[in-house]
Amino acid sequence: MFKRRGNDMPKDLRRLRPVFSRWMSLRHWRSQLVFWIGGLLVGVVAVLVAKVADGAQALFHLGVAKVGWLPLVITPVGFAISAFAARRWFPGSQGSGIPQVIAATEIVRHNPKGLDRLVSLRVVLGKTALLFLGLLTGASIGREGPTVQIGAALMRMTGRIGGIVSNESALLLAGGAAGVAAAFNTPLAGIVFAIEELGKSFEQRTSGTVIFTVMLAGIASLGMVGDYIYFGHSDAHLQPLPDTLAVLVCGLGGGALGGLFARILVFCNKRLGRVFNGFFERRRILFAALCGLSVALIGVVSGTDIFGTGYSEARSLLGGADTGSPLFGVLKWVSTLLSSASGIPGGLFAPSLSTGAGLGADMHWLLPVAPLGTMVLLGMVAYFSGVVQSPLTSFVIVMEMTNSHNMVMPLIAASVLAYSVSRLICPRPLYHSLSQTFIDEERRMRRSEAASTGA
């Protein structure tokens, strides 16, 4: 018996040899260093992007406070300039940025050279500048989606500088997840987002590296702005039986409106050419200007602050305060849809969360089955889950952003219910539908290049 055990020992050691070799490899530690530096860089840049976005919104509100009709002039002009610049000088920067990262994780498998159009230094500069312009002129957009694309681009550039080009898929995944974590100060949400939304590229072999990169991005963000809760602490709670109706009301309503938003946005992205014989498809800049004018009219005529991210309004609603308009949720829904459909660079996360908060308040006014703060919180998670169709990410991000750990089960229930309802209206997730546009465009360009080379 002892002899057999002695003969087995070399076999066990041989099994561990690849592990030891890897940990002693200079290439392994260089790769890890690239991810660590990239994670810290993404965290720092995410904070800078947040500062730029907040400054742009502050300047816009300062101007509107002095000249109430100012949005009627600058908003359509800003939309037109942003749409033109995105199409002419910064192709690949339009929209949220998350579809581009999803497309990049697919394109990198077949044509790594095709990533330059989606995740490059040019895109980083263009996305940041046009995000600033959009918020400066009153667009209902957020900075979180752009931060995901910027994070993926920065990680890819860091990998190239460090000589790590064979694992670009993991770099893109880590950069995008780190962008979410640093933008919202929600590291757990960044990890869940990487698994749920970018799951095709999430491999067991690189999972530890990705998670540690997300943590470093969060640490960098905390080091610059301190520990904070994005929307502040929520005291929302549910009673066992009567207030359970709030989950059903918000889950069904938020899921339906979120699915409708996604369905219309996908239609505008892919089938706008079928409307009015392709008039708006051929005149995208004019379409963007008309979207901007519509947003300005909604804000000025209603007297409701539907511009920008909607952060202040959502935070007020969570605290039980009034936004000044009972239709804030509906108007924010329309203004965000117009801003996203216009094609200007800008994200959906923050506007969707503020829209959900407003819709939760509206549902509380119609069916007061639970306290206002509770309905607002459930509306946020339900509507956001309905739009992006990522129930785990939605639940975790709202829980971390409001520190509402006492609402874990209701938040999960509302998120899953909204996801199920949304899938009935928009069968394919929004970001994946939008990413297909970039994937198809890359394929056409590759075929065109192959045909010209063959000729």
Protein backbone atom coordinates (compact mmCIF):
# COMPACT_ATOMS: atom_id res chain seq x y z
CA MET A 1 0.00 0.00 0.00
CA PHE A 2 2.80 2.45 0.91
CA LYS A 3 4.67 1.53 -2.23
CA ARG A 4 1.70 2.35 -4.45
CA ARG A 5 1.33 5.72 -2.80
CA GLY A 6 4.98 6.51 -3.37
CA ASN A 7 4.65 5.70 -7.06
CA ASP A 8 1.64 7.99 -7.33
CA MET A 9 3.42 11.05 -5.98
CA PRO A 10 5.37 11.85 -9.15
CA LYS A 11 2.09 11.73 -11.10
CA ASP A 12 0.54 14.31 -8.79
CA LEU A 13 3.59 16.51 -9.12
CA ARG A 14 3.46 16.21 -12.91
CA ARG A 15 -0.13 17.42 -12.86
CA LEU A 16 0.93 20.52 -10.94
CA ARG A 17 3.89 21.24 -13.20
CA PRO A 18 1.87 23.31 -15.75
CA VAL A 19 0.50 25.40 -12.88
CA PHE A 20 3.98 26.09 -11.50
CA SER A 21 5.29 26.82 -14.98
CA ARG A 22 2.54 29.32 -15.58
CA TRP A 23 3.06 31.14 -12.30
CA MET A 24 6.80 31.31 -12.95
CA SER A 25 6.29 32.59 -16.48
CA LEU A 26 7.29 36.18 -17.20
CA ARG A 27 4.61 36.36 -19.90
CA HIS A 28 1.91 35.43 -17.35
CA TRP A 29 2.88 38.23 -14.97
CA ARG A 30 3.21 40.71 -17.80
CA SER A 31 -0.32 39.84 -18.85
CA GLN A 32 -1.58 40.28 -15.29
CA LEU A 33 0.21 43.63 -15.02
CA VAL A 34 -1.49 44.81 -18.22
CA PHE A 35 -4.92 43.99 -16.77
CA TRP A 36 -4.11 45.67 -13.45
CA ILE A 37 -2.82 48.86 -15.03
CA GLY A 38 -5.73 48.86 -17.45
CA GLY A 39 -8.25 48.47 -14.62
CA LEU A 40 -6.78 51.40 -12.72
CA LEU A 41 -6.70 53.48 -15.90
CA VAL A 42 -10.36 52.74 -16.65
CA GLY A 43 -11.30 53.74 -13.10
CA VAL A 44 -9.49 57.06 -13.38
CA VAL A 45 -10.90 57.86 -16.82
CA ALA A 46 -14.43 56.88 -15.72
CA VAL A 47 -14.24 59.48 -12.94
CA LEU A 48 -12.96 62.11 -15.39
CA VAL A 49 -15.81 61.31 -17.82
CA ALA A 50 -18.26 61.68 -14.92
CA LYS A 51 -16.80 65.08 -14.08
CA VAL A 52 -17.06 66.18 -17.72
CA ALA A 53 -20.68 64.97 -17.92
CA ASP A 54 -21.68 66.67 -14.65
CA GLY A 55 -20.03 69.90 -15.77
CA ALA A 56 -21.90 69.84 -19.08
CA GLN A 57 -25.24 69.36 -17.33
CA ALA A 58 -24.48 72.14 -14.86
CA LEU A 59 -23.69 74.56 -17.71
CA PHE A 60 -26.92 73.63 -19.50
CA HIS A 61 -29.08 74.19 -16.43
CA LEU A 62 -27.29 77.46 -15.73
CA GLY A 63 -28.17 78.66 -19.22
CA VAL A 64 -31.81 77.52 -18.98
CA ALA A 65 -32.18 79.27 -15.62
CA LYS A 66 -31.30 82.56 -17.32
CA VAL A 67 -33.07 81.99 -20.67
CA GLY A 68 -36.02 79.60 -20.38
CA TRP A 69 -36.46 79.10 -24.14
CA LEU A 70 -32.76 78.37 -24.74
CA PRO A 71 -33.33 74.61 -25.40
CA LEU A 72 -35.49 75.47 -28.43
CA VAL A 73 -32.33 76.78 -30.09
CA ILE A 74 -29.37 74.83 -28.76
CA THR A 75 -30.93 71.35 -28.40
CA PRO A 76 -31.81 70.74 -32.10
CA VAL A 77 -28.53 72.33 -33.19
CA GLY A 78 -26.58 70.21 -30.71
CA PHE A 79 -28.31 67.03 -31.87
CA ALA A 80 -27.55 67.82 -35.52
CA ILE A 81 -23.88 68.62 -34.88
CA SER A 82 -23.42 65.52 -32.73
CA ALA A 83 -25.08 63.21 -35.26
CA PHE A 84 -23.02 64.70 -38.11
CA ALA A 85 -19.73 64.41 -36.23
CA ALA A 86 -20.49 60.82 -35.18
CA ARG A 87 -21.18 59.76 -38.75
CA ARG A 88 -18.46 61.82 -40.45
CA TRP A 89 -15.46 61.85 -38.09
CA PHE A 90 -16.18 59.29 -35.36
CA PRO A 91 -18.04 56.35 -36.93
CA GLY A 92 -18.72 53.70 -34.32
CA SER A 93 -19.26 56.25 -31.54
CA GLN A 94 -23.01 56.71 -32.02
CA GLY A 95 -25.50 55.45 -29.46
CA SER A 96 -24.83 53.82 -26.13
CA GLY A 97 -21.48 52.11 -26.63
CA ILE A 98 -22.49 48.77 -25.11
CA PRO A 99 -23.66 47.32 -28.48
CA GLN A 100 -20.26 48.22 -29.91
CA VAL A 101 -18.47 46.28 -27.16
CA ILE A 102 -20.75 43.27 -27.67
CA ALA A 103 -20.07 43.45 -31.41
CA ALA A 104 -16.33 43.78 -30.76
CA THR A 105 -16.26 40.59 -28.66
CA GLU A 106 -17.78 38.81 -31.66
CA ILE A 107 -15.68 40.48 -34.38
CA VAL A 108 -12.39 39.81 -32.55
CA ARG A 109 -12.89 36.08 -33.13
CA HIS A 110 -12.82 36.49 -36.91
CA ASN A 111 -11.17 39.81 -37.74
CA PRO A 112 -9.21 41.54 -34.95
CA LYS A 113 -8.26 44.36 -37.33
CA GLY A 114 -11.93 45.29 -37.57
CA LEU A 115 -11.97 46.47 -33.96
CA ASP A 116 -10.38 49.84 -34.73
CA ARG A 117 -13.73 51.24 -35.80
CA LEU A 118 -15.38 50.32 -32.49
CA VAL A 119 -12.74 50.44 -29.75
CA SER A 120 -9.82 52.77 -30.45
CA LEU A 121 -8.32 56.02 -29.20
CA ARG A 122 -10.24 57.93 -31.86
CA VAL A 123 -13.51 56.49 -30.55
CA VAL A 124 -12.54 57.36 -26.95
CA LEU A 125 -11.90 61.00 -27.84
CA GLY A 126 -14.96 61.29 -30.06
CA LYS A 127 -17.28 59.59 -27.59
CA THR A 128 -16.18 61.83 -24.72
CA ALA A 129 -16.43 65.04 -26.75
CA LEU A 130 -19.84 64.24 -28.22
CA LEU A 131 -21.19 63.03 -24.87
CA PHE A 132 -20.20 66.43 -23.46
CA LEU A 133 -21.92 68.18 -26.38
CA GLY A 134 -25.10 66.13 -25.97
CA LEU A 135 -25.45 66.87 -22.25
CA LEU A 136 -24.44 70.50 -22.81
CA THR A 137 -27.38 70.91 -25.20
CA GLY A 138 -29.99 69.03 -23.14
CA ALA A 139 -30.08 65.51 -24.57
CA SER A 140 -31.70 62.87 -22.35
CA ILE A 141 -28.65 60.61 -22.29
CA GLY A 142 -26.28 59.08 -19.74
CA ARG A 143 -22.54 58.57 -19.42
CA GLU A 144 -22.47 54.93 -18.27
CA GLY A 145 -22.87 53.23 -21.67
CA PRO A 146 -20.17 55.42 -23.23
CA THR A 147 -17.92 54.61 -20.26
CA VAL A 148 -18.27 50.90 -21.09
CA GLN A 149 -17.06 51.51 -24.65
CA ILE A 150 -14.30 53.84 -23.45
CA GLY A 151 -13.21 51.26 -20.87
CA ALA A 152 -13.04 48.48 -23.46
CA ALA A 153 -11.03 50.70 -25.81
CA LEU A 154 -8.58 51.71 -23.07
CA MET A 155 -8.04 48.08 -22.02
CA ARG A 156 -7.39 47.10 -25.62
CA MET A 157 -4.87 49.92 -26.03
CA THR A 158 -3.18 48.94 -22.76
CA GLY A 159 -2.92 45.37 -24.00
CA ARG A 160 -1.32 46.48 -27.25
CA ILE A 161 1.23 48.64 -25.45
CA GLY A 162 2.01 45.74 -23.11
CA GLY A 163 2.33 43.30 -26.01
CA ILE A 164 -0.75 41.26 -25.05
CA VAL A 165 -2.64 40.92 -28.34
CA SER A 166 -3.60 37.26 -28.20
CA ASN A 167 -6.26 37.75 -25.53
CA GLU A 168 -8.13 40.79 -26.80
CA SER A 169 -11.51 39.23 -26.04
CA ALA A 170 -10.73 39.14 -22.31
CA LEU A 171 -9.35 42.69 -22.49
CA LEU A 172 -12.59 43.97 -24.02
CA LEU A 173 -14.68 42.13 -21.46
CA ALA A 174 -12.62 43.37 -18.51
CA GLY A 175 -12.61 46.96 -19.80
CA GLY A 176 -16.37 47.05 -20.34
CA ALA A 177 -17.13 45.54 -16.92
CA ALA A 178 -14.66 47.88 -15.24
CA GLY A 179 -16.41 50.80 -16.93
CA VAL A 180 -19.75 49.85 -15.36
CA ALA A 181 -18.19 49.35 -11.92
CA ALA A 182 -16.34 52.67 -11.95
CA ALA A 183 -19.19 54.69 -13.48
CA PHE A 184 -21.72 53.75 -10.81
CA ASN A 185 -19.40 52.72 -7.94
CA THR A 186 -20.99 49.26 -8.23
CA PRO A 187 -18.24 46.62 -8.51
CA LEU A 188 -20.60 43.68 -8.07
CA ALA A 189 -22.83 45.01 -10.86
CA GLY A 190 -19.77 45.25 -13.12
CA ILE A 191 -19.00 41.57 -12.59
CA VAL A 192 -22.60 40.49 -13.13
CA PHE A 193 -22.79 42.68 -16.24
CA ALA A 194 -19.70 40.96 -17.65
CA ILE A 195 -21.27 37.53 -17.16
CA GLU A 196 -24.84 38.35 -18.22
CA GLU A 197 -24.49 40.92 -20.99
CA LEU A 198 -21.07 40.01 -22.40
CA GLY A 199 -21.32 36.36 -21.42
CA LYS A 200 -20.12 34.86 -24.70
CA SER A 201 -16.61 36.07 -23.94
CA PHE A 202 -16.63 35.24 -20.23
CA GLU A 203 -14.35 32.23 -19.88
CA GLN A 204 -13.41 30.36 -16.73
CA ARG A 205 -9.76 30.72 -17.64
CA THR A 206 -9.90 34.52 -17.46
CA SER A 207 -12.73 35.01 -14.95
CA GLY A 208 -10.41 35.71 -12.01
CA THR A 209 -8.46 38.28 -14.01
CA VAL A 210 -11.63 40.04 -15.13
CA ILE A 211 -13.02 40.18 -11.59
CA PHE A 212 -9.75 41.56 -10.18
CA THR A 213 -9.65 44.17 -12.97
CA VAL A 214 -13.16 45.31 -12.04
CA MET A 215 -12.09 45.57 -8.41
CA LEU A 216 -9.10 47.72 -9.33
CA ALA A 217 -11.29 50.05 -11.39
CA GLY A 218 -13.58 50.41 -8.40
CA ILE A 219 -10.63 51.11 -6.11
CA ALA A 220 -9.36 53.81 -8.47
CA SER A 221 -12.81 55.42 -8.53
CA LEU A 222 -13.12 55.27 -4.74
CA GLY A 223 -9.67 56.77 -4.34
CA MET A 224 -10.65 59.80 -6.42
CA VAL A 225 -14.22 60.52 -5.28
CA GLY A 226 -14.54 58.54 -2.04
CA ASP A 227 -17.11 55.97 -1.02
CA TYR A 228 -20.60 57.02 -2.05
CA ILE A 229 -24.01 55.55 -2.95
CA TYR A 230 -25.13 56.83 -6.36
CA PHE A 231 -28.77 57.54 -5.47
CA GLY A 232 -28.32 57.65 -1.71
CA HIS A 233 -29.70 55.23 0.86
CA SER A 234 -33.26 54.02 0.36
CA ASP A 235 -35.47 53.17 3.34
CA ALA A 236 -38.02 51.39 1.15
CA HIS A 237 -39.57 48.22 2.52
CA LEU A 238 -42.50 45.92 1.83
CA GLN A 239 -45.09 44.40 4.10
CA PRO A 240 -45.58 40.66 3.53
CA LEU A 241 -48.98 40.46 1.85
CA PRO A 242 -50.75 43.73 0.92
CA ASP A 243 -47.72 45.52 -0.54
CA THR A 244 -46.82 42.51 -2.66
CA LEU A 245 -49.24 44.01 -5.19
CA ALA A 246 -46.62 46.71 -5.76
CA VAL A 247 -44.27 44.10 -7.23
CA LEU A 248 -46.95 42.96 -9.67
CA VAL A 249 -47.97 46.49 -10.65
CA CYS A 250 -44.41 47.75 -11.18
CA GLY A 251 -43.18 44.50 -12.72
CA LEU A 252 -45.96 44.36 -15.30
CA GLY A 253 -46.03 48.09 -16.04
CA GLY A 254 -42.27 48.60 -16.07
CA GLY A 255 -41.68 45.50 -18.19
CA ALA A 256 -44.29 46.50 -20.76
CA LEU A 257 -43.03 50.07 -21.12
CA GLY A 258 -39.39 48.94 -21.15
CA GLY A 259 -40.10 46.35 -23.83
CA LEU A 260 -41.99 48.92 -25.89
CA PHE A 261 -39.07 51.34 -25.62
CA ALA A 262 -36.64 48.66 -26.80
CA ARG A 263 -38.92 47.59 -29.66
CA ILE A 264 -39.31 51.13 -31.00
CA LEU A 265 -35.59 51.87 -30.67
CA VAL A 266 -34.65 48.72 -32.59
CA PHE A 267 -37.17 49.68 -35.28
CA CYS A 268 -35.66 53.16 -35.61
CA ASN A 269 -32.17 51.69 -35.80
CA LYS A 270 -32.90 49.03 -38.41
CA ARG A 271 -36.07 49.97 -40.26
CA LEU A 272 -36.19 53.75 -40.34
CA GLY A 273 -35.73 53.52 -44.11
CA ARG A 274 -39.19 52.00 -44.45
CA VAL A 275 -40.88 55.13 -43.07
CA PHE A 276 -41.87 57.85 -45.59
CA ASN A 277 -40.03 56.02 -48.40
CA GLY A 278 -36.72 56.30 -46.60
CA PHE A 279 -36.89 60.09 -46.26
CA PHE A 280 -35.40 60.17 -42.74
CA GLU A 281 -32.90 57.38 -43.47
CA ARG A 282 -31.38 59.54 -46.21
CA ARG A 283 -31.49 62.62 -44.00
CA ARG A 284 -30.19 61.36 -40.67
CA ILE A 285 -28.90 64.79 -39.62
CA LEU A 286 -32.31 66.36 -40.20
CA PHE A 287 -33.92 63.49 -38.27
CA ALA A 288 -31.55 64.11 -35.35
CA ALA A 289 -32.37 67.85 -35.38
CA LEU A 290 -36.12 67.10 -35.34
CA CYS A 291 -35.60 64.72 -32.41
CA GLY A 292 -33.71 67.46 -30.59
CA LEU A 293 -36.43 70.01 -31.29
CA SER A 294 -39.05 67.56 -29.97
CA VAL A 295 -37.08 67.05 -26.75
CA ALA A 296 -36.76 70.82 -26.32
CA LEU A 297 -40.50 71.35 -26.88
CA ILE A 298 -41.39 68.68 -24.32
CA GLY A 299 -39.15 70.26 -21.70
CA VAL A 300 -40.06 73.91 -22.34
CA VAL A 301 -43.82 73.50 -22.84
CA SER A 302 -44.33 71.10 -19.92
CA GLY A 303 -41.97 72.97 -17.62
CA THR A 304 -40.51 69.61 -16.60
CA ASP A 305 -36.77 68.99 -16.34
CA ILE A 306 -36.56 66.00 -18.68
CA PHE A 307 -33.09 67.01 -19.89
CA GLY A 308 -29.87 65.18 -19.07
CA THR A 309 -29.52 62.05 -16.98
CA GLY A 310 -32.42 62.71 -14.61
CA TYR A 311 -30.25 61.91 -11.61
CA SER A 312 -31.57 64.70 -9.38
CA GLU A 313 -35.19 63.85 -10.09
CA ALA A 314 -34.71 60.14 -9.39
CA ARG A 315 -32.91 60.88 -6.14
CA SER A 316 -35.69 63.23 -5.04
CA LEU A 317 -38.37 60.65 -5.81
CA LEU A 318 -36.53 57.99 -3.85
CA GLY A 319 -36.54 60.36 -0.90
CA GLY A 320 -40.29 60.86 -1.18
CA ALA A 321 -40.12 64.36 -2.73
CA ASP A 322 -42.12 65.63 -5.71
CA THR A 323 -40.54 66.36 -9.11
CA GLY A 324 -43.05 69.11 -9.87
CA SER A 325 -44.85 67.19 -12.62
CA PRO A 326 -47.04 64.08 -12.28
CA LEU A 327 -46.07 63.14 -15.83
CA PHE A 328 -42.29 63.19 -15.32
CA GLY A 329 -41.96 59.43 -15.97
CA VAL A 330 -43.92 59.51 -19.24
CA LEU A 331 -42.20 62.65 -20.53
CA LYS A 332 -38.77 61.30 -19.62
CA TRP A 333 -39.65 58.07 -21.47
CA VAL A 334 -40.45 60.01 -24.65
CA SER A 335 -37.43 62.33 -24.42
CA THR A 336 -35.03 59.44 -23.84
CA LEU A 337 -36.50 57.53 -26.78
CA LEU A 338 -36.08 60.57 -29.04
CA SER A 339 -32.50 61.13 -27.84
CA SER A 340 -31.53 57.49 -28.39
CA ALA A 341 -33.28 57.19 -31.76
CA SER A 342 -31.50 60.29 -33.06
CA GLY A 343 -28.20 58.40 -33.21
CA ILE A 344 -26.17 60.82 -31.10
CA PRO A 345 -23.59 59.30 -28.69
CA GLY A 346 -25.07 58.75 -25.24
CA GLY A 347 -26.07 55.98 -22.86
CA LEU A 348 -29.34 54.58 -21.52
CA PHE A 349 -28.50 53.51 -17.98
CA ALA A 350 -29.10 56.69 -15.97
CA PRO A 351 -32.03 58.01 -18.07
CA SER A 352 -33.70 54.59 -17.87
CA LEU A 353 -33.32 54.48 -14.10
CA SER A 354 -34.75 57.99 -13.72
CA THR A 355 -37.57 57.11 -16.13
CA GLY A 356 -38.32 54.04 -14.06
CA ALA A 357 -38.36 56.16 -10.91
CA GLY A 358 -40.85 58.55 -12.53
CA LEU A 359 -43.03 55.69 -13.78
CA GLY A 360 -42.99 54.16 -10.30
CA ALA A 361 -44.21 57.48 -8.91
CA ASP A 362 -46.94 57.63 -11.58
CA MET A 363 -48.06 54.09 -10.72
CA HIS A 364 -48.13 55.06 -7.05
CA TRP A 365 -50.46 57.94 -7.96
CA LEU A 366 -52.76 55.57 -9.90
CA LEU A 367 -52.56 52.58 -7.53
CA PRO A 368 -51.16 53.58 -4.12
CA VAL A 369 -50.62 50.01 -2.94
CA ALA A 370 -47.27 50.81 -1.26
CA PRO A 371 -45.30 53.86 -0.02
CA LEU A 372 -43.97 56.21 -2.70
CA GLY A 373 -40.29 55.33 -2.09
CA THR A 374 -41.04 51.63 -2.45
CA MET A 375 -42.96 52.07 -5.70
CA VAL A 376 -40.20 54.30 -7.08
CA LEU A 377 -37.52 51.72 -6.28
CA LEU A 378 -39.52 48.88 -7.82
CA GLY A 379 -40.29 51.03 -10.85
CA MET A 380 -36.58 51.68 -11.38
CA VAL A 381 -35.56 48.03 -11.37
CA ALA A 382 -38.59 46.87 -13.36
CA TYR A 383 -38.32 49.44 -16.15
CA PHE A 384 -34.54 49.08 -16.42
CA SER A 385 -34.87 45.30 -16.62
CA GLY A 386 -37.55 45.72 -19.28
CA VAL A 387 -35.31 47.93 -21.41
CA VAL A 388 -32.02 45.99 -21.24
CA GLN A 389 -33.49 42.52 -20.51
CA SER A 390 -30.69 41.71 -18.09
CA PRO A 391 -32.60 40.92 -14.86
CA LEU A 392 -29.57 40.08 -12.71
CA THR A 393 -27.63 43.18 -13.72
CA SER A 394 -30.73 45.33 -13.20
CA PHE A 395 -31.37 43.97 -9.72
CA VAL A 396 -27.75 44.20 -8.57
CA ILE A 397 -27.13 47.67 -9.99
CA VAL A 398 -30.26 49.16 -8.36
CA MET A 399 -29.53 47.43 -5.06
CA GLU A 400 -25.95 48.75 -4.99
CA MET A 401 -26.92 52.24 -6.16
CA THR A 402 -29.57 52.66 -3.42
CA ASN A 403 -28.11 50.45 -0.68
CA SER A 404 -31.53 48.77 -0.45
CA HIS A 405 -30.46 45.38 0.90
CA ASN A 406 -33.74 45.04 2.79
CA MET A 407 -35.55 44.90 -0.58
CA VAL A 408 -33.57 42.05 -2.15
CA MET A 409 -36.43 39.62 -2.79
CA PRO A 410 -38.95 42.24 -4.05
CA LEU A 411 -36.31 43.71 -6.37
CA ILE A 412 -35.47 40.28 -7.79
CA ALA A 413 -39.16 39.45 -8.27
CA ALA A 414 -39.94 42.75 -10.01
CA SER A 415 -36.86 42.47 -12.21
CA VAL A 416 -37.60 38.92 -13.36
CA LEU A 417 -41.29 39.67 -13.93
CA ALA A 418 -40.45 42.76 -15.99
CA TYR A 419 -37.92 40.77 -18.01
CA SER A 420 -40.54 38.13 -18.83
CA VAL A 421 -43.10 40.73 -19.91
CA SER A 422 -40.54 42.65 -21.98
CA ARG A 423 -39.53 39.51 -23.89
CA LEU A 424 -43.14 39.18 -25.10
CA ILE A 425 -42.92 42.64 -26.69
CA CYS A 426 -39.27 42.66 -27.80
CA PRO A 427 -38.12 39.03 -28.17
CA ARG A 428 -34.40 39.83 -28.60
CA PRO A 429 -32.44 41.89 -26.03
CA LEU A 430 -31.94 45.51 -27.02
CA TYR A 431 -28.14 45.70 -26.89
CA HIS A 432 -27.69 42.47 -28.81
CA SER A 433 -30.13 43.61 -31.50
CA LEU A 434 -28.26 46.89 -31.89
CA SER A 435 -24.88 45.13 -31.90
CA GLN A 436 -25.93 43.13 -34.94
CA THR A 437 -25.82 46.33 -37.00
CA PHE A 438 -22.11 46.75 -36.31
CA ILE A 439 -21.41 43.05 -36.89
CA ASP A 440 -23.21 43.11 -40.26
CA GLU A 441 -21.41 46.29 -41.28
CA GLU A 442 -18.03 44.74 -40.47
CA ARG A 443 -18.91 41.69 -42.55
CA ARG A 444 -19.86 43.85 -45.52
CA MET A 445 -16.60 45.76 -45.26
CA ARG A 446 -14.63 42.51 -45.04
CA ARG A 447 -16.36 41.10 -48.12
CA SER A 448 -15.78 44.33 -50.00
CA GLU A 449 -12.08 44.26 -49.16
CA ALA A 450 -11.84 40.61 -50.16
CA ALA A 451 -13.58 41.32 -53.49
CA SER A 452 -11.29 44.28 -54.26
CA THR A 453 -8.21 42.22 -53.38
CA GLY A 454 -9.38 39.36 -55.58
CA ALA A 455 -10.00 41.72 -58.44
